[in-house]
Amino acid sequence: MRTYLVVVDDSPEAENALRFAARRAVKTGGGVEILALIPPSEFVQWGGVQATIEDEARLHAEAVVAGAAGTLLAESGVTPSIVVRQGDGPKIVREMIDANPEIAALVLGAASSGAPGPLVSHFAGTDAGALSVPIMLIPGSLSREDIDRVS
């Protein structure tokens, strides 16, 4: 089954990427895998404080992913796979693509203004030709109707 890997956070451009991936999955009989990334934690001298910071980051990521999955299911009927991982974003994305041959494309949302995020910069820049799947960059400036039209 063709699977679209979407990296989500609580940004509007991530919502656009998820909508695009869901619509493509429906049209191609595929699926969606949602990935929420938790940045690596910086060392904090007191272990309890660091554990609390990591727990809060994980809870936030899980809430974002749960909301995204609910929206995806309600709007498209697609039940996504959900993954929450902590660490270096590009490395995790590459590991997931390498581990799952059903992933057909990496779908990322690009901000409508300002500098691109770290994943867009990485995969559309220095590492653009190194992935084994296409990268789909969904502009943050697209409306829901635009996404529906182009997907």
C-alpha atoms as a PDB file:
ATOM      1  CA  MET A   1       0.000   0.000   0.000  1.00  0.00           C
ATOM      2  CA  ARG A   2       1.290   3.450  -0.912  1.00  0.00           C
ATOM      3  CA  THR A   3       1.878   5.413   2.292  1.00  0.00           C
ATOM      4  CA  TYR A   4       2.468   9.139   2.630  1.00  0.00           C
ATOM      5  CA  LEU A   5       4.721  10.107   5.540  1.00  0.00           C
ATOM      6  CA  VAL A   6       3.674  13.468   6.995  1.00  0.00           C
ATOM      7  CA  VAL A   7       5.636  15.270   9.690  1.00  0.00           C
ATOM      8  CA  VAL A   8       3.240  17.300  11.826  1.00  0.00           C
ATOM      9  CA  ASP A   9       3.446  19.940  14.482  1.00  0.00           C
ATOM     10  CA  ASP A  10       0.917  22.564  15.536  1.00  0.00           C
ATOM     11  CA  SER A  11       1.571  24.865  12.574  1.00  0.00           C
ATOM     12  CA  PRO A  12      -0.903  25.755   9.800  1.00  0.00           C
ATOM     13  CA  GLU A  13       1.502  24.475   7.152  1.00  0.00           C
ATOM     14  CA  ALA A  14       1.516  21.032   8.799  1.00  0.00           C
ATOM     15  CA  GLU A  15      -2.288  21.015   8.545  1.00  0.00           C
ATOM     16  CA  ASN A  16      -1.958  21.736   4.815  1.00  0.00           C
ATOM     17  CA  ALA A  17       0.537  18.907   4.374  1.00  0.00           C
ATOM     18  CA  LEU A  18      -1.727  16.488   6.233  1.00  0.00           C
ATOM     19  CA  ARG A  19      -4.782  17.479   4.184  1.00  0.00           C
ATOM     20  CA  PHE A  20      -2.842  17.029   0.955  1.00  0.00           C
ATOM     21  CA  ALA A  21      -1.508  13.618   2.025  1.00  0.00           C
ATOM     22  CA  ALA A  22      -4.955  12.452   3.111  1.00  0.00           C
ATOM     23  CA  ARG A  23      -6.527  13.437  -0.194  1.00  0.00           C
ATOM     24  CA  ARG A  24      -3.732  11.733  -2.141  1.00  0.00           C
ATOM     25  CA  ALA A  25      -4.118   8.602  -0.008  1.00  0.00           C
ATOM     26  CA  VAL A  26      -7.846   8.465  -0.707  1.00  0.00           C
ATOM     27  CA  LYS A  27      -7.317   8.929  -4.453  1.00  0.00           C
ATOM     28  CA  THR A  28      -4.547   6.321  -4.664  1.00  0.00           C
ATOM     29  CA  GLY A  29      -5.947   3.776  -2.208  1.00  0.00           C
ATOM     30  CA  GLY A  30      -3.033   4.433   0.111  1.00  0.00           C
ATOM     31  CA  GLY A  31      -2.453   5.358   3.706  1.00  0.00           C
ATOM     32  CA  VAL A  32      -0.957   8.080   5.843  1.00  0.00           C
ATOM     33  CA  GLU A  33       1.692   7.808   8.505  1.00  0.00           C
ATOM     34  CA  ILE A  34       1.856  10.787  10.846  1.00  0.00           C
ATOM     35  CA  LEU A  35       5.166  11.561  12.530  1.00  0.00           C
ATOM     36  CA  ALA A  36       5.515  13.975  15.429  1.00  0.00           C
ATOM     37  CA  LEU A  37       9.068  14.882  16.327  1.00  0.00           C
ATOM     38  CA  ILE A  38      10.251  15.790  19.774  1.00  0.00           C
ATOM     39  CA  PRO A  39      13.525  17.690  19.610  1.00  0.00           C
ATOM     40  CA  PRO A  40      16.424  16.173  21.501  1.00  0.00           C
ATOM     41  CA  SER A  41      16.495  17.529  25.013  1.00  0.00           C
ATOM     42  CA  GLU A  42      19.387  19.574  26.199  1.00  0.00           C
ATOM     43  CA  PHE A  43      21.172  18.381  29.267  1.00  0.00           C
ATOM     44  CA  VAL A  44      19.729  19.796  32.464  1.00  0.00           C
ATOM     45  CA  GLN A  45      21.765  19.398  35.595  1.00  0.00           C
ATOM     46  CA  TRP A  46      18.876  18.037  37.633  1.00  0.00           C
ATOM     47  CA  GLY A  47      17.517  14.771  36.262  1.00  0.00           C
ATOM     48  CA  GLY A  48      13.997  15.296  37.597  1.00  0.00           C
ATOM     49  CA  VAL A  49      13.677  18.627  35.817  1.00  0.00           C
ATOM     50  CA  GLN A  50      14.938  17.117  32.580  1.00  0.00           C
ATOM     51  CA  ALA A  51      12.483  14.215  32.863  1.00  0.00           C
ATOM     52  CA  THR A  52       9.614  16.666  33.416  1.00  0.00           C
ATOM     53  CA  ILE A  53      10.641  18.722  30.371  1.00  0.00           C
ATOM     54  CA  GLU A  54      10.824  15.578  28.223  1.00  0.00           C
ATOM     55  CA  ASP A  55       7.447  14.343  29.512  1.00  0.00           C
ATOM     56  CA  GLU A  56       5.814  17.697  28.719  1.00  0.00           C
ATOM     57  CA  ALA A  57       7.300  17.702  25.213  1.00  0.00           C
ATOM     58  CA  ARG A  58       6.057  14.152  24.611  1.00  0.00           C
ATOM     59  CA  LEU A  59       2.568  14.958  25.901  1.00  0.00           C
ATOM     60  CA  HIS A  60       2.394  18.014  23.639  1.00  0.00           C
ATOM     61  CA  ALA A  61       3.539  15.999  20.608  1.00  0.00           C
ATOM     62  CA  GLU A  62       1.051  13.228  21.376  1.00  0.00           C
ATOM     63  CA  ALA A  63      -1.768  15.777  21.662  1.00  0.00           C
ATOM     64  CA  VAL A  64      -0.828  17.332  18.320  1.00  0.00           C
ATOM     65  CA  VAL A  65      -0.723  13.931  16.644  1.00  0.00           C
ATOM     66  CA  ALA A  66      -4.011  12.814  18.203  1.00  0.00           C
ATOM     67  CA  GLY A  67      -5.702  15.983  16.968  1.00  0.00           C
ATOM     68  CA  ALA A  68      -4.234  15.563  13.504  1.00  0.00           C
ATOM     69  CA  ALA A  69      -5.309  11.924  13.361  1.00  0.00           C
ATOM     70  CA  GLY A  70      -8.837  12.821  14.433  1.00  0.00           C
ATOM     71  CA  THR A  71      -9.093  15.517  11.786  1.00  0.00           C
ATOM     72  CA  LEU A  72      -7.714  13.172   9.147  1.00  0.00           C
ATOM     73  CA  LEU A  73     -10.183  10.425  10.011  1.00  0.00           C
ATOM     74  CA  ALA A  74     -13.160  12.806  10.147  1.00  0.00           C
ATOM     75  CA  GLU A  75     -12.379  14.536   6.856  1.00  0.00           C
ATOM     76  CA  SER A  76     -11.123  11.667   4.721  1.00  0.00           C
ATOM     77  CA  GLY A  77     -11.997   8.413   6.439  1.00  0.00           C
ATOM     78  CA  VAL A  78      -8.325   7.433   6.451  1.00  0.00           C
ATOM     79  CA  THR A  79      -7.053   5.941   9.709  1.00  0.00           C
ATOM     80  CA  PRO A  80      -3.406   6.954   9.958  1.00  0.00           C
ATOM     81  CA  SER A  81      -0.477   5.229  11.588  1.00  0.00           C
ATOM     82  CA  ILE A  82       0.964   7.408  14.329  1.00  0.00           C
ATOM     83  CA  VAL A  83       4.576   7.690  15.425  1.00  0.00           C
ATOM     84  CA  VAL A  84       6.059   9.989  18.059  1.00  0.00           C
ATOM     85  CA  ARG A  85       9.858   9.990  18.212  1.00  0.00           C
ATOM     86  CA  GLN A  86      12.460  12.057  20.000  1.00  0.00           C
ATOM     87  CA  GLY A  87      15.744  12.998  18.420  1.00  0.00           C
ATOM     88  CA  ASP A  88      17.261  14.505  15.315  1.00  0.00           C
ATOM     89  CA  GLY A  89      14.438  15.124  12.819  1.00  0.00           C
ATOM     90  CA  PRO A  90      16.218  14.397   9.535  1.00  0.00           C
ATOM     91  CA  LYS A  91      17.790  11.237  10.952  1.00  0.00           C
ATOM     92  CA  ILE A  92      14.434   9.945  12.231  1.00  0.00           C
ATOM     93  CA  VAL A  93      12.691  10.690   8.925  1.00  0.00           C
ATOM     94  CA  ARG A  94      15.411   8.873   6.991  1.00  0.00           C
ATOM     95  CA  GLU A  95      15.236   5.863   9.373  1.00  0.00           C
ATOM     96  CA  MET A  96      11.468   5.660   8.969  1.00  0.00           C
ATOM     97  CA  ILE A  97      11.677   5.784   5.173  1.00  0.00           C
ATOM     98  CA  ASP A  98      14.432   3.159   5.119  1.00  0.00           C
ATOM     99  CA  ALA A  99      12.488   0.873   7.481  1.00  0.00           C
ATOM    100  CA  ASN A 100       9.172   1.010   5.611  1.00  0.00           C
ATOM    101  CA  PRO A 101       9.194   0.207   1.877  1.00  0.00           C
ATOM    102  CA  GLU A 102       5.525   1.209   1.626  1.00  0.00           C
ATOM    103  CA  ILE A 103       6.355   4.888   2.192  1.00  0.00           C
ATOM    104  CA  ALA A 104       5.891   6.422  -1.241  1.00  0.00           C
ATOM    105  CA  ALA A 105       6.565  10.092  -0.431  1.00  0.00           C
ATOM    106  CA  LEU A 106       7.597  12.481   2.318  1.00  0.00           C
ATOM    107  CA  VAL A 107       5.042  15.274   2.650  1.00  0.00           C
ATOM    108  CA  LEU A 108       6.177  18.471   4.370  1.00  0.00           C
ATOM    109  CA  GLY A 109       4.427  21.790   4.848  1.00  0.00           C
ATOM    110  CA  ALA A 110       6.298  24.958   3.930  1.00  0.00           C
ATOM    111  CA  ALA A 111       5.558  28.198   5.776  1.00  0.00           C
ATOM    112  CA  SER A 112       3.746  30.840   3.737  1.00  0.00           C
ATOM    113  CA  SER A 113       6.375  33.424   4.674  1.00  0.00           C
ATOM    114  CA  GLY A 114       9.734  33.583   6.338  1.00  0.00           C
ATOM    115  CA  ALA A 115      12.526  31.073   6.366  1.00  0.00           C
ATOM    116  CA  PRO A 116      11.693  27.422   5.827  1.00  0.00           C
ATOM    117  CA  GLY A 117      11.674  25.083   8.800  1.00  0.00           C
ATOM    118  CA  PRO A 118      14.581  22.761   9.534  1.00  0.00           C
ATOM    119  CA  LEU A 119      13.134  19.710   7.769  1.00  0.00           C
ATOM    120  CA  VAL A 120      12.217  21.626   4.622  1.00  0.00           C
ATOM    121  CA  SER A 121      15.657  23.263   4.616  1.00  0.00           C
ATOM    122  CA  HIS A 122      17.374  19.922   5.080  1.00  0.00           C
ATOM    123  CA  PHE A 123      15.455  17.758   2.618  1.00  0.00           C
ATOM    124  CA  ALA A 124      14.947  20.440  -0.048  1.00  0.00           C
ATOM    125  CA  GLY A 125      18.505  21.734   0.371  1.00  0.00           C
ATOM    126  CA  THR A 126      21.649  19.812   1.133  1.00  0.00           C
ATOM    127  CA  ASP A 127      19.969  16.399   1.211  1.00  0.00           C
ATOM    128  CA  ALA A 128      17.508  16.915  -1.658  1.00  0.00           C
ATOM    129  CA  GLY A 129      18.756  14.096  -3.847  1.00  0.00           C
ATOM    130  CA  ALA A 130      19.592  11.546  -1.172  1.00  0.00           C
ATOM    131  CA  LEU A 131      16.159  10.181  -0.216  1.00  0.00           C
ATOM    132  CA  SER A 132      14.701   7.065  -1.811  1.00  0.00           C
ATOM    133  CA  VAL A 133      11.229   8.685  -2.117  1.00  0.00           C
ATOM    134  CA  PRO A 134       9.957  11.961  -3.577  1.00  0.00           C
ATOM    135  CA  ILE A 135       9.514  14.985  -1.335  1.00  0.00           C
ATOM    136  CA  MET A 136       6.240  16.873  -1.612  1.00  0.00           C
ATOM    137  CA  LEU A 137       6.411  20.437  -0.287  1.00  0.00           C
ATOM    138  CA  ILE A 138       2.971  21.869   0.322  1.00  0.00           C
ATOM    139  CA  PRO A 139       2.939  25.679   0.425  1.00  0.00           C
ATOM    140  CA  GLY A 140       1.446  27.188   3.556  1.00  0.00           C
ATOM    141  CA  SER A 141      -0.269  29.838   1.444  1.00  0.00           C
ATOM    142  CA  LEU A 142      -2.644  27.328  -0.169  1.00  0.00           C
ATOM    143  CA  SER A 143      -6.263  27.438   0.922  1.00  0.00           C
ATOM    144  CA  ARG A 144      -8.226  24.278   1.647  1.00  0.00           C
ATOM    145  CA  GLU A 145      -9.871  24.646  -1.758  1.00  0.00           C
ATOM    146  CA  ASP A 146      -6.467  24.989  -3.447  1.00  0.00           C
ATOM    147  CA  ILE A 147      -5.240  21.830  -1.736  1.00  0.00           C
ATOM    148  CA  ASP A 148      -8.375  19.968  -2.773  1.00  0.00           C
ATOM    149  CA  ARG A 149      -7.891  21.137  -6.356  1.00  0.00           C
ATOM    150  CA  VAL A 150      -4.217  20.128  -6.670  1.00  0.00           C
ATOM    151  CA  SER A 151      -4.345  16.899  -4.708  1.00  0.00           C
END
